[in-house]
Amino acid sequence: MAKKRLMGCSLPVAIILGITLLLLSIASLATGPLGGNALKLPKLFIVEKPEVELPATIVFHLFGFPITNSIVATWVTIVVLGVFCWAVTRKMQLVPGRKQALLEFAIEALLNFCRSIAGEKNGRRFFPIVATIFLFVAFNAWLSLLPGYGSILVHFSDGGETHLLRGANTDVNTPLALAIVSFVFVEIIGFRSLGISYGKKFLNLGGIIESGKYLVKGKIKSALSSLIFGILNLFVGFIEFISELIRVVSLTVRLFGNMTAGEILLLIAVFLMPWLFALPFYGLELLVGFVQALIFASLTLIFLTTAVASHGGHKEESAHH
């Protein structure tokens, strides 16, 4: 006789899940703002009203430099990434285990992604910076969902207190630093690949120099025409330079805005209905962290590819080679 099933589960499992869901619902209502006030529960069992702080707060000073809670979270991300990679790669095997297979899958996927956009040669060339940005942004987002972030307090001698850990992506300084790193690498690789010709897109004096030559030869009409085109080229170069700087602002605001909005959404969900209502949003934030990391890394890859491909007759292999 076939066992009875409910929602794809055996009946005992379905009953256990139903009871668990019911208990979580009761606990969520009881410890939320409505149930907590109605039942007069101790403060220990009631989720406090969330307080959103946009600026990162200083936890301690190191050699005279202020260390904020977002910097501490950044260090945690670096340590976790380093330890994970070391643990996986210290005993590499021809037949990989689960951890090695997971890392190899992630690395291979990122490398193939770089190749698909930048081509074989430049894909491998850009891979280190693109993969580093992706993993750093993603782990910053995922680790900030763990217990301790935004809950562990540091008490000061003057009676003040602050959170020890804060999601690094929600401090505007971290996305800004990443955007600056992306910008610097794009410009360095652009100059290394195309030489001085890469700088001509920002400052092209060819028309003005040519105008001077025509003027010396007495060709006033040609000199005037070259001067007009030279001024236009200078204006276009100025616009190009401004657009490069706007990329920094765009990358910063996009990452900071999305991750901060997600954190505020989680705080509100946890406050309204702890335990139950926040669970779907935790899953959503896992996805958002991945998407934002992919967007930041993808835009950096596109900027790098454009830098070496434009203004220089680039002859890279087709991306689909």
C-alpha atoms as a PDB file:
ATOM      1  CA  MET A   1       0.000   0.000   0.000  1.00  0.00           C
ATOM      2  CA  ALA A   2       1.413   3.361  -1.034  1.00  0.00           C
ATOM      3  CA  LYS A   3       2.196   5.793   1.758  1.00  0.00           C
ATOM      4  CA  LYS A   4       0.110   8.937   1.920  1.00  0.00           C
ATOM      5  CA  ARG A   5       1.940  12.036   0.709  1.00  0.00           C
ATOM      6  CA  LEU A   6       1.185  15.712   1.141  1.00  0.00           C
ATOM      7  CA  MET A   7       2.825  18.505  -0.919  1.00  0.00           C
ATOM      8  CA  GLY A   8       5.412  16.029  -2.192  1.00  0.00           C
ATOM      9  CA  CYS A   9       6.409  14.899   1.342  1.00  0.00           C
ATOM     10  CA  SER A  10       5.450  11.891   3.374  1.00  0.00           C
ATOM     11  CA  LEU A  11       2.632  12.564   5.831  1.00  0.00           C
ATOM     12  CA  PRO A  12       4.829  12.500   9.006  1.00  0.00           C
ATOM     13  CA  VAL A  13       7.334  14.905   7.442  1.00  0.00           C
ATOM     14  CA  ALA A  14       4.525  17.197   6.277  1.00  0.00           C
ATOM     15  CA  ILE A  15       3.051  17.204   9.808  1.00  0.00           C
ATOM     16  CA  ILE A  16       6.444  18.055  11.360  1.00  0.00           C
ATOM     17  CA  LEU A  17       6.979  20.867   8.850  1.00  0.00           C
ATOM     18  CA  GLY A  18       3.476  22.197   9.507  1.00  0.00           C
ATOM     19  CA  ILE A  19       3.998  22.208  13.277  1.00  0.00           C
ATOM     20  CA  THR A  20       7.399  23.894  12.870  1.00  0.00           C
ATOM     21  CA  LEU A  21       5.882  26.557  10.643  1.00  0.00           C
ATOM     22  CA  LEU A  22       3.076  27.120  13.150  1.00  0.00           C
ATOM     23  CA  LEU A  23       5.525  27.481  16.051  1.00  0.00           C
ATOM     24  CA  LEU A  24       7.664  29.913  14.041  1.00  0.00           C
ATOM     25  CA  SER A  25       4.565  31.939  13.190  1.00  0.00           C
ATOM     26  CA  ILE A  26       3.550  32.138  16.854  1.00  0.00           C
ATOM     27  CA  ALA A  27       7.092  33.077  17.901  1.00  0.00           C
ATOM     28  CA  SER A  28       7.287  35.713  15.154  1.00  0.00           C
ATOM     29  CA  LEU A  29       4.025  37.321  16.209  1.00  0.00           C
ATOM     30  CA  ALA A  30       4.850  37.142  19.910  1.00  0.00           C
ATOM     31  CA  THR A  31       8.316  38.727  19.592  1.00  0.00           C
ATOM     32  CA  GLY A  32       7.256  41.312  17.019  1.00  0.00           C
ATOM     33  CA  PRO A  33       6.152  44.856  17.900  1.00  0.00           C
ATOM     34  CA  LEU A  34       2.454  43.965  18.195  1.00  0.00           C
ATOM     35  CA  GLY A  35       2.739  40.730  20.148  1.00  0.00           C
ATOM     36  CA  GLY A  36       5.561  41.977  22.369  1.00  0.00           C
ATOM     37  CA  ASN A  37       3.591  44.981  23.543  1.00  0.00           C
ATOM     38  CA  ALA A  38       0.389  43.011  24.000  1.00  0.00           C
ATOM     39  CA  LEU A  39       1.984  40.159  25.966  1.00  0.00           C
ATOM     40  CA  LYS A  40       4.347  42.427  27.953  1.00  0.00           C
ATOM     41  CA  LEU A  41       7.304  40.160  27.243  1.00  0.00           C
ATOM     42  CA  PRO A  42      10.756  40.967  28.696  1.00  0.00           C
ATOM     43  CA  LYS A  43      13.023  43.034  26.447  1.00  0.00           C
ATOM     44  CA  LEU A  44      15.217  39.967  26.000  1.00  0.00           C
ATOM     45  CA  PHE A  45      12.533  38.360  23.817  1.00  0.00           C
ATOM     46  CA  ILE A  46      11.518  41.460  21.851  1.00  0.00           C
ATOM     47  CA  VAL A  47      13.316  42.665  18.728  1.00  0.00           C
ATOM     48  CA  GLU A  48      14.277  46.288  19.186  1.00  0.00           C
ATOM     49  CA  LYS A  49      13.292  48.964  16.702  1.00  0.00           C
ATOM     50  CA  PRO A  50      15.968  49.082  13.966  1.00  0.00           C
ATOM     51  CA  GLU A  51      18.215  52.128  13.731  1.00  0.00           C
ATOM     52  CA  VAL A  52      19.800  52.730  10.357  1.00  0.00           C
ATOM     53  CA  GLU A  53      23.225  54.394  10.412  1.00  0.00           C
ATOM     54  CA  LEU A  54      24.674  55.295   7.029  1.00  0.00           C
ATOM     55  CA  PRO A  55      28.150  56.391   8.223  1.00  0.00           C
ATOM     56  CA  ALA A  56      30.388  53.613   9.522  1.00  0.00           C
ATOM     57  CA  THR A  57      31.330  53.997  13.188  1.00  0.00           C
ATOM     58  CA  ILE A  58      34.820  53.811  14.673  1.00  0.00           C
ATOM     59  CA  VAL A  59      35.535  50.687  16.722  1.00  0.00           C
ATOM     60  CA  PHE A  60      39.155  51.348  17.703  1.00  0.00           C
ATOM     61  CA  HIS A  61      42.343  53.069  16.552  1.00  0.00           C
ATOM     62  CA  LEU A  62      45.361  51.286  15.081  1.00  0.00           C
ATOM     63  CA  PHE A  63      48.625  53.268  15.015  1.00  0.00           C
ATOM     64  CA  GLY A  64      46.568  56.432  15.169  1.00  0.00           C
ATOM     65  CA  PHE A  65      44.266  55.451  12.282  1.00  0.00           C
ATOM     66  CA  PRO A  66      40.535  55.054  12.991  1.00  0.00           C
ATOM     67  CA  ILE A  67      39.242  51.544  12.264  1.00  0.00           C
ATOM     68  CA  THR A  68      35.520  51.400  11.520  1.00  0.00           C
ATOM     69  CA  ASN A  69      33.204  48.408  11.827  1.00  0.00           C
ATOM     70  CA  SER A  70      33.027  48.137   8.025  1.00  0.00           C
ATOM     71  CA  ILE A  71      36.827  47.848   7.853  1.00  0.00           C
ATOM     72  CA  VAL A  72      36.693  45.055  10.447  1.00  0.00           C
ATOM     73  CA  ALA A  73      34.078  43.321   8.265  1.00  0.00           C
ATOM     74  CA  THR A  74      36.349  43.774   5.244  1.00  0.00           C
ATOM     75  CA  TRP A  75      39.190  42.084   7.110  1.00  0.00           C
ATOM     76  CA  VAL A  76      36.856  39.220   8.011  1.00  0.00           C
ATOM     77  CA  THR A  77      35.985  38.777   4.321  1.00  0.00           C
ATOM     78  CA  ILE A  78      39.661  38.749   3.324  1.00  0.00           C
ATOM     79  CA  VAL A  79      40.500  36.199   6.017  1.00  0.00           C
ATOM     80  CA  VAL A  80      37.560  33.942   5.120  1.00  0.00           C
ATOM     81  CA  LEU A  81      38.429  34.026   1.413  1.00  0.00           C
ATOM     82  CA  GLY A  82      42.102  33.393   2.131  1.00  0.00           C
ATOM     83  CA  VAL A  83      41.470  30.533   4.528  1.00  0.00           C
ATOM     84  CA  PHE A  84      38.929  28.931   2.204  1.00  0.00           C
ATOM     85  CA  CYS A  85      41.268  29.043  -0.804  1.00  0.00           C
ATOM     86  CA  TRP A  86      44.180  27.771   1.295  1.00  0.00           C
ATOM     87  CA  ALA A  87      42.121  24.914   2.745  1.00  0.00           C
ATOM     88  CA  VAL A  88      40.939  23.874  -0.715  1.00  0.00           C
ATOM     89  CA  THR A  89      44.242  24.164  -2.561  1.00  0.00           C
ATOM     90  CA  ARG A  90      46.753  22.925   0.028  1.00  0.00           C
ATOM     91  CA  LYS A  91      46.149  19.318  -1.012  1.00  0.00           C
ATOM     92  CA  MET A  92      45.114  19.437  -4.640  1.00  0.00           C
ATOM     93  CA  GLN A  93      44.030  16.106  -6.082  1.00  0.00           C
ATOM     94  CA  LEU A  94      43.636  14.854  -9.618  1.00  0.00           C
ATOM     95  CA  VAL A  95      40.153  13.663  -8.698  1.00  0.00           C
ATOM     96  CA  PRO A  96      38.817  16.693  -6.789  1.00  0.00           C
ATOM     97  CA  GLY A  97      36.777  16.429  -3.638  1.00  0.00           C
ATOM     98  CA  ARG A  98      33.661  18.487  -3.011  1.00  0.00           C
ATOM     99  CA  LYS A  99      35.420  21.671  -1.859  1.00  0.00           C
ATOM    100  CA  GLN A 100      38.017  21.547  -4.621  1.00  0.00           C
ATOM    101  CA  ALA A 101      35.336  20.800  -7.219  1.00  0.00           C
ATOM    102  CA  LEU A 102      33.262  23.755  -5.996  1.00  0.00           C
ATOM    103  CA  LEU A 103      36.214  26.144  -6.228  1.00  0.00           C
ATOM    104  CA  GLU A 104      37.270  24.798  -9.624  1.00  0.00           C
ATOM    105  CA  PHE A 105      33.712  25.189 -10.898  1.00  0.00           C
ATOM    106  CA  ALA A 106      33.565  28.820  -9.742  1.00  0.00           C
ATOM    107  CA  ILE A 107      36.992  29.657 -11.189  1.00  0.00           C
ATOM    108  CA  GLU A 108      36.239  27.930 -14.503  1.00  0.00           C
ATOM    109  CA  ALA A 109      32.882  29.706 -14.782  1.00  0.00           C
ATOM    110  CA  LEU A 110      34.488  33.113 -14.162  1.00  0.00           C
ATOM    111  CA  LEU A 111      37.296  32.390 -16.622  1.00  0.00           C
ATOM    112  CA  ASN A 112      34.872  31.301 -19.330  1.00  0.00           C
ATOM    113  CA  PHE A 113      32.827  34.436 -18.666  1.00  0.00           C
ATOM    114  CA  CYS A 114      35.934  36.614 -19.158  1.00  0.00           C
ATOM    115  CA  ARG A 115      36.837  34.745 -22.351  1.00  0.00           C
ATOM    116  CA  SER A 116      33.325  35.141 -23.763  1.00  0.00           C
ATOM    117  CA  ILE A 117      33.561  38.937 -23.534  1.00  0.00           C
ATOM    118  CA  ALA A 118      37.261  39.784 -23.906  1.00  0.00           C
ATOM    119  CA  GLY A 119      38.500  36.895 -26.021  1.00  0.00           C
ATOM    120  CA  GLU A 120      41.012  34.172 -25.184  1.00  0.00           C
ATOM    121  CA  LYS A 121      44.127  36.309 -24.613  1.00  0.00           C
ATOM    122  CA  ASN A 122      42.567  39.272 -22.845  1.00  0.00           C
ATOM    123  CA  GLY A 123      40.101  37.040 -21.003  1.00  0.00           C
ATOM    124  CA  ARG A 124      42.986  35.353 -19.190  1.00  0.00           C
ATOM    125  CA  ARG A 125      44.701  38.710 -18.768  1.00  0.00           C
ATOM    126  CA  PHE A 126      41.703  40.381 -17.117  1.00  0.00           C
ATOM    127  CA  PHE A 127      40.615  37.330 -15.148  1.00  0.00           C
ATOM    128  CA  PRO A 128      42.554  38.034 -11.883  1.00  0.00           C
ATOM    129  CA  ILE A 129      41.102  41.504 -11.285  1.00  0.00           C
ATOM    130  CA  VAL A 130      37.581  40.542 -12.423  1.00  0.00           C
ATOM    131  CA  ALA A 131      37.493  37.370 -10.293  1.00  0.00           C
ATOM    132  CA  THR A 132      38.891  39.196  -7.263  1.00  0.00           C
ATOM    133  CA  ILE A 133      36.239  41.914  -7.473  1.00  0.00           C
ATOM    134  CA  PHE A 134      33.453  39.356  -7.926  1.00  0.00           C
ATOM    135  CA  LEU A 135      34.496  37.166  -4.991  1.00  0.00           C
ATOM    136  CA  PHE A 136      35.170  40.125  -2.702  1.00  0.00           C
ATOM    137  CA  VAL A 137      31.814  41.810  -3.354  1.00  0.00           C
ATOM    138  CA  ALA A 138      29.883  38.534  -3.150  1.00  0.00           C
ATOM    139  CA  PHE A 139      31.491  37.370   0.098  1.00  0.00           C
ATOM    140  CA  ASN A 140      31.027  40.814   1.628  1.00  0.00           C
ATOM    141  CA  ALA A 141      27.317  40.503   0.922  1.00  0.00           C
ATOM    142  CA  TRP A 142      26.924  36.882   2.021  1.00  0.00           C
ATOM    143  CA  LEU A 143      28.940  37.137   5.230  1.00  0.00           C
ATOM    144  CA  SER A 144      26.920  40.168   6.340  1.00  0.00           C
ATOM    145  CA  LEU A 145      23.870  37.871   6.578  1.00  0.00           C
ATOM    146  CA  LEU A 146      25.504  35.779   9.309  1.00  0.00           C
ATOM    147  CA  PRO A 147      24.601  36.229  12.988  1.00  0.00           C
ATOM    148  CA  GLY A 148      26.898  38.768  14.620  1.00  0.00           C
ATOM    149  CA  TYR A 149      26.755  41.371  11.896  1.00  0.00           C
ATOM    150  CA  GLY A 150      24.834  44.277  13.343  1.00  0.00           C
ATOM    151  CA  SER A 151      24.243  42.484  16.662  1.00  0.00           C
ATOM    152  CA  ILE A 152      27.623  42.186  18.444  1.00  0.00           C
ATOM    153  CA  LEU A 153      28.198  45.391  20.387  1.00  0.00           C
ATOM    154  CA  VAL A 154      31.428  47.004  21.506  1.00  0.00           C
ATOM    155  CA  HIS A 155      31.143  49.072  24.702  1.00  0.00           C
ATOM    156  CA  PHE A 156      33.387  52.066  25.309  1.00  0.00           C
ATOM    157  CA  SER A 157      34.645  53.475  28.582  1.00  0.00           C
ATOM    158  CA  ASP A 158      32.557  56.653  28.133  1.00  0.00           C
ATOM    159  CA  GLY A 159      29.361  54.603  28.081  1.00  0.00           C
ATOM    160  CA  GLY A 160      28.900  54.598  24.310  1.00  0.00           C
ATOM    161  CA  GLU A 161      28.554  51.529  22.171  1.00  0.00           C
ATOM    162  CA  THR A 162      28.690  50.514  18.538  1.00  0.00           C
ATOM    163  CA  HIS A 163      28.371  47.438  16.379  1.00  0.00           C
ATOM    164  CA  LEU A 164      31.577  45.457  15.872  1.00  0.00           C
ATOM    165  CA  LEU A 165      30.681  44.276  12.354  1.00  0.00           C
ATOM    166  CA  ARG A 166      28.820  46.002   9.563  1.00  0.00           C
ATOM    167  CA  GLY A 167      28.380  44.777   5.989  1.00  0.00           C
ATOM    168  CA  ALA A 168      31.272  46.333   4.083  1.00  0.00           C
ATOM    169  CA  ASN A 169      29.189  46.917   0.957  1.00  0.00           C
ATOM    170  CA  THR A 170      26.807  49.155   2.936  1.00  0.00           C
ATOM    171  CA  ASP A 171      29.594  51.614   3.750  1.00  0.00           C
ATOM    172  CA  VAL A 172      29.964  53.934   0.758  1.00  0.00           C
ATOM    173  CA  ASN A 173      33.739  53.980   1.223  1.00  0.00           C
ATOM    174  CA  THR A 174      34.088  50.296   0.270  1.00  0.00           C
ATOM    175  CA  PRO A 175      32.176  50.523  -3.058  1.00  0.00           C
ATOM    176  CA  LEU A 176      34.069  53.760  -3.770  1.00  0.00           C
ATOM    177  CA  ALA A 177      37.420  52.064  -3.125  1.00  0.00           C
ATOM    178  CA  LEU A 178      36.442  49.173  -5.433  1.00  0.00           C
ATOM    179  CA  ALA A 179      35.315  51.620  -8.127  1.00  0.00           C
ATOM    180  CA  ILE A 180      38.629  53.493  -7.895  1.00  0.00           C
ATOM    181  CA  VAL A 181      40.552  50.212  -8.157  1.00  0.00           C
ATOM    182  CA  SER A 182      38.497  49.315 -11.233  1.00  0.00           C
ATOM    183  CA  PHE A 183      39.147  52.752 -12.759  1.00  0.00           C
ATOM    184  CA  VAL A 184      42.895  52.616 -12.097  1.00  0.00           C
ATOM    185  CA  PHE A 185      43.266  49.137 -13.608  1.00  0.00           C
ATOM    186  CA  VAL A 186      41.327  50.186 -16.717  1.00  0.00           C
ATOM    187  CA  GLU A 187      43.587  53.184 -17.304  1.00  0.00           C
ATOM    188  CA  ILE A 188      46.820  51.287 -16.582  1.00  0.00           C
ATOM    189  CA  ILE A 189      45.929  48.413 -18.901  1.00  0.00           C
ATOM    190  CA  GLY A 190      44.747  50.886 -21.548  1.00  0.00           C
ATOM    191  CA  PHE A 191      48.089  52.699 -21.553  1.00  0.00           C
ATOM    192  CA  ARG A 192      50.083  49.443 -21.387  1.00  0.00           C
ATOM    193  CA  SER A 193      48.192  48.005 -24.336  1.00  0.00           C
ATOM    194  CA  LEU A 194      47.968  51.034 -26.638  1.00  0.00           C
ATOM    195  CA  GLY A 195      50.732  53.265 -25.354  1.00  0.00           C
ATOM    196  CA  ILE A 196      50.490  57.021 -25.752  1.00  0.00           C
ATOM    197  CA  SER A 197      47.723  56.627 -28.345  1.00  0.00           C
ATOM    198  CA  TYR A 198      45.358  55.627 -25.522  1.00  0.00           C
ATOM    199  CA  GLY A 199      45.815  59.069 -23.978  1.00  0.00           C
ATOM    200  CA  LYS A 200      44.770  60.758 -27.225  1.00  0.00           C
ATOM    201  CA  LYS A 201      41.145  60.006 -26.478  1.00  0.00           C
ATOM    202  CA  PHE A 202      41.464  62.377 -23.515  1.00  0.00           C
ATOM    203  CA  LEU A 203      43.858  64.968 -24.988  1.00  0.00           C
ATOM    204  CA  ASN A 204      44.133  65.108 -28.768  1.00  0.00           C
ATOM    205  CA  LEU A 205      46.229  68.118 -29.887  1.00  0.00           C
ATOM    206  CA  GLY A 206      46.704  66.860 -33.420  1.00  0.00           C
ATOM    207  CA  GLY A 207      44.263  69.336 -34.970  1.00  0.00           C
ATOM    208  CA  ILE A 208      45.733  72.347 -33.190  1.00  0.00           C
ATOM    209  CA  ILE A 209      49.313  71.354 -34.091  1.00  0.00           C
ATOM    210  CA  GLU A 210      48.262  70.838 -37.698  1.00  0.00           C
ATOM    211  CA  SER A 211      46.569  74.242 -37.664  1.00  0.00           C
ATOM    212  CA  GLY A 212      49.839  75.838 -36.583  1.00  0.00           C
ATOM    213  CA  LYS A 213      51.705  74.165 -39.435  1.00  0.00           C
ATOM    214  CA  TYR A 214      49.181  75.450 -41.990  1.00  0.00           C
ATOM    215  CA  LEU A 215      49.403  78.924 -40.493  1.00  0.00           C
ATOM    216  CA  VAL A 216      53.190  78.953 -40.876  1.00  0.00           C
ATOM    217  CA  LYS A 217      52.760  77.979 -44.519  1.00  0.00           C
ATOM    218  CA  GLY A 218      50.275  80.811 -44.995  1.00  0.00           C
ATOM    219  CA  LYS A 219      47.270  78.530 -45.599  1.00  0.00           C
ATOM    220  CA  ILE A 220      44.800  80.512 -43.511  1.00  0.00           C
ATOM    221  CA  LYS A 221      41.667  78.618 -44.620  1.00  0.00           C
ATOM    222  CA  SER A 222      43.177  75.197 -43.875  1.00  0.00           C
ATOM    223  CA  ALA A 223      44.588  76.481 -40.586  1.00  0.00           C
ATOM    224  CA  LEU A 224      41.156  77.736 -39.493  1.00  0.00           C
ATOM    225  CA  SER A 225      39.487  74.450 -40.463  1.00  0.00           C
ATOM    226  CA  SER A 226      42.090  72.403 -38.553  1.00  0.00           C
ATOM    227  CA  LEU A 227      41.763  74.709 -35.556  1.00  0.00           C
ATOM    228  CA  ILE A 228      37.988  74.175 -35.398  1.00  0.00           C
ATOM    229  CA  PHE A 229      38.388  70.396 -35.587  1.00  0.00           C
ATOM    230  CA  GLY A 230      41.175  70.582 -33.002  1.00  0.00           C
ATOM    231  CA  ILE A 231      38.914  72.452 -30.566  1.00  0.00           C
ATOM    232  CA  LEU A 232      36.151  69.921 -31.172  1.00  0.00           C
ATOM    233  CA  ASN A 233      38.605  67.084 -30.468  1.00  0.00           C
ATOM    234  CA  LEU A 234      39.635  68.748 -27.206  1.00  0.00           C
ATOM    235  CA  PHE A 235      35.977  69.048 -26.208  1.00  0.00           C
ATOM    236  CA  VAL A 236      35.329  65.388 -27.077  1.00  0.00           C
ATOM    237  CA  GLY A 237      38.387  64.389 -25.035  1.00  0.00           C
ATOM    238  CA  PHE A 238      37.089  66.382 -22.075  1.00  0.00           C
ATOM    239  CA  ILE A 239      33.717  64.622 -22.333  1.00  0.00           C
ATOM    240  CA  GLU A 240      35.530  61.271 -22.547  1.00  0.00           C
ATOM    241  CA  PHE A 241      37.481  62.061 -19.394  1.00  0.00           C
ATOM    242  CA  ILE A 242      34.330  63.107 -17.537  1.00  0.00           C
ATOM    243  CA  SER A 243      32.603  59.888 -18.629  1.00  0.00           C
ATOM    244  CA  GLU A 244      35.508  57.880 -17.175  1.00  0.00           C
ATOM    245  CA  LEU A 245      35.050  59.651 -13.826  1.00  0.00           C
ATOM    246  CA  ILE A 246      31.281  59.158 -13.961  1.00  0.00           C
ATOM    247  CA  ARG A 247      31.919  55.413 -14.141  1.00  0.00           C
ATOM    248  CA  VAL A 248      33.442  55.613 -10.665  1.00  0.00           C
ATOM    249  CA  VAL A 249      30.346  57.376  -9.326  1.00  0.00           C
ATOM    250  CA  SER A 250      28.000  54.976 -11.124  1.00  0.00           C
ATOM    251  CA  LEU A 251      29.723  51.834  -9.828  1.00  0.00           C
ATOM    252  CA  THR A 252      29.826  53.245  -6.298  1.00  0.00           C
ATOM    253  CA  VAL A 253      26.198  54.363  -6.114  1.00  0.00           C
ATOM    254  CA  ARG A 254      24.864  51.167  -7.709  1.00  0.00           C
ATOM    255  CA  LEU A 255      26.557  48.807  -5.266  1.00  0.00           C
ATOM    256  CA  PHE A 256      26.089  50.984  -2.188  1.00  0.00           C
ATOM    257  CA  GLY A 257      22.435  51.758  -2.945  1.00  0.00           C
ATOM    258  CA  ASN A 258      21.364  48.184  -3.646  1.00  0.00           C
ATOM    259  CA  MET A 259      23.178  46.617  -0.690  1.00  0.00           C
ATOM    260  CA  THR A 260      22.053  49.324   1.756  1.00  0.00           C
ATOM    261  CA  ALA A 261      18.451  49.020   0.583  1.00  0.00           C
ATOM    262  CA  GLY A 262      18.628  45.249   1.085  1.00  0.00           C
ATOM    263  CA  GLU A 263      19.980  45.640   4.605  1.00  0.00           C
ATOM    264  CA  ILE A 264      17.204  48.099   5.520  1.00  0.00           C
ATOM    265  CA  LEU A 265      14.616  45.707   4.091  1.00  0.00           C
ATOM    266  CA  LEU A 266      15.999  42.880   6.236  1.00  0.00           C
ATOM    267  CA  LEU A 267      15.968  45.040   9.365  1.00  0.00           C
ATOM    268  CA  ILE A 268      12.338  45.960   8.793  1.00  0.00           C
ATOM    269  CA  ALA A 269      11.372  42.330   8.096  1.00  0.00           C
ATOM    270  CA  VAL A 270      13.114  41.093  11.242  1.00  0.00           C
ATOM    271  CA  PHE A 271      11.492  43.826  13.295  1.00  0.00           C
ATOM    272  CA  LEU A 272       7.947  43.187  12.046  1.00  0.00           C
ATOM    273  CA  MET A 273       7.975  39.382  12.201  1.00  0.00           C
ATOM    274  CA  PRO A 274      11.190  37.820  13.529  1.00  0.00           C
ATOM    275  CA  TRP A 275      12.138  34.255  12.559  1.00  0.00           C
ATOM    276  CA  LEU A 276       9.524  33.725   9.859  1.00  0.00           C
ATOM    277  CA  PHE A 277       8.987  36.838   7.750  1.00  0.00           C
ATOM    278  CA  ALA A 278      12.714  37.488   7.340  1.00  0.00           C
ATOM    279  CA  LEU A 279      13.579  34.049   5.899  1.00  0.00           C
ATOM    280  CA  PRO A 280      12.462  34.763   2.292  1.00  0.00           C
ATOM    281  CA  PHE A 281      14.355  38.047   2.364  1.00  0.00           C
ATOM    282  CA  TYR A 282      17.536  36.290   3.445  1.00  0.00           C
ATOM    283  CA  GLY A 283      17.235  34.108   0.368  1.00  0.00           C
ATOM    284  CA  LEU A 284      16.601  37.208  -1.736  1.00  0.00           C
ATOM    285  CA  GLU A 285      19.695  38.919  -0.330  1.00  0.00           C
ATOM    286  CA  LEU A 286      21.827  35.899  -1.213  1.00  0.00           C
ATOM    287  CA  LEU A 287      20.695  36.339  -4.808  1.00  0.00           C
ATOM    288  CA  VAL A 288      21.134  40.127  -4.705  1.00  0.00           C
ATOM    289  CA  GLY A 289      24.693  39.738  -3.413  1.00  0.00           C
ATOM    290  CA  PHE A 290      25.531  37.428  -6.309  1.00  0.00           C
ATOM    291  CA  VAL A 291      23.877  39.702  -8.880  1.00  0.00           C
ATOM    292  CA  GLN A 292      25.584  42.865  -7.606  1.00  0.00           C
ATOM    293  CA  ALA A 293      28.970  41.136  -7.577  1.00  0.00           C
ATOM    294  CA  LEU A 294      28.383  39.914 -11.125  1.00  0.00           C
ATOM    295  CA  ILE A 295      27.308  43.380 -12.317  1.00  0.00           C
ATOM    296  CA  PHE A 296      30.325  45.106 -10.775  1.00  0.00           C
ATOM    297  CA  ALA A 297      32.736  42.527 -12.189  1.00  0.00           C
ATOM    298  CA  SER A 298      30.994  42.540 -15.601  1.00  0.00           C
ATOM    299  CA  LEU A 299      31.171  46.322 -15.952  1.00  0.00           C
ATOM    300  CA  THR A 300      34.851  46.264 -14.997  1.00  0.00           C
ATOM    301  CA  LEU A 301      35.456  43.574 -17.621  1.00  0.00           C
ATOM    302  CA  ILE A 302      33.591  45.582 -20.264  1.00  0.00           C
ATOM    303  CA  PHE A 303      35.544  48.742 -19.429  1.00  0.00           C
ATOM    304  CA  LEU A 304      38.822  46.804 -19.653  1.00  0.00           C
ATOM    305  CA  THR A 305      37.855  45.269 -22.988  1.00  0.00           C
ATOM    306  CA  THR A 306      36.796  48.647 -24.377  1.00  0.00           C
ATOM    307  CA  ALA A 307      40.030  50.265 -23.193  1.00  0.00           C
ATOM    308  CA  VAL A 308      42.257  47.884 -25.180  1.00  0.00           C
ATOM    309  CA  ALA A 309      39.931  47.510 -28.161  1.00  0.00           C
ATOM    310  CA  SER A 310      39.061  51.108 -29.007  1.00  0.00           C
ATOM    311  CA  HIS A 311      41.181  53.900 -30.410  1.00  0.00           C
ATOM    312  CA  GLY A 312      43.896  51.486 -31.384  1.00  0.00           C
ATOM    313  CA  GLY A 313      42.927  49.058 -34.131  1.00  0.00           C
ATOM    314  CA  HIS A 314      42.719  46.172 -31.715  1.00  0.00           C
ATOM    315  CA  LYS A 315      43.114  42.769 -33.378  1.00  0.00           C
ATOM    316  CA  GLU A 316      41.995  40.502 -30.578  1.00  0.00           C
ATOM    317  CA  GLU A 317      40.450  37.221 -31.490  1.00  0.00           C
ATOM    318  CA  SER A 318      36.702  37.066 -31.699  1.00  0.00           C
ATOM    319  CA  ALA A 319      34.966  36.512 -28.391  1.00  0.00           C
ATOM    320  CA  HIS A 320      33.341  33.415 -29.857  1.00  0.00           C
ATOM    321  CA  HIS A 321      36.611  31.902 -31.156  1.00  0.00           C
END
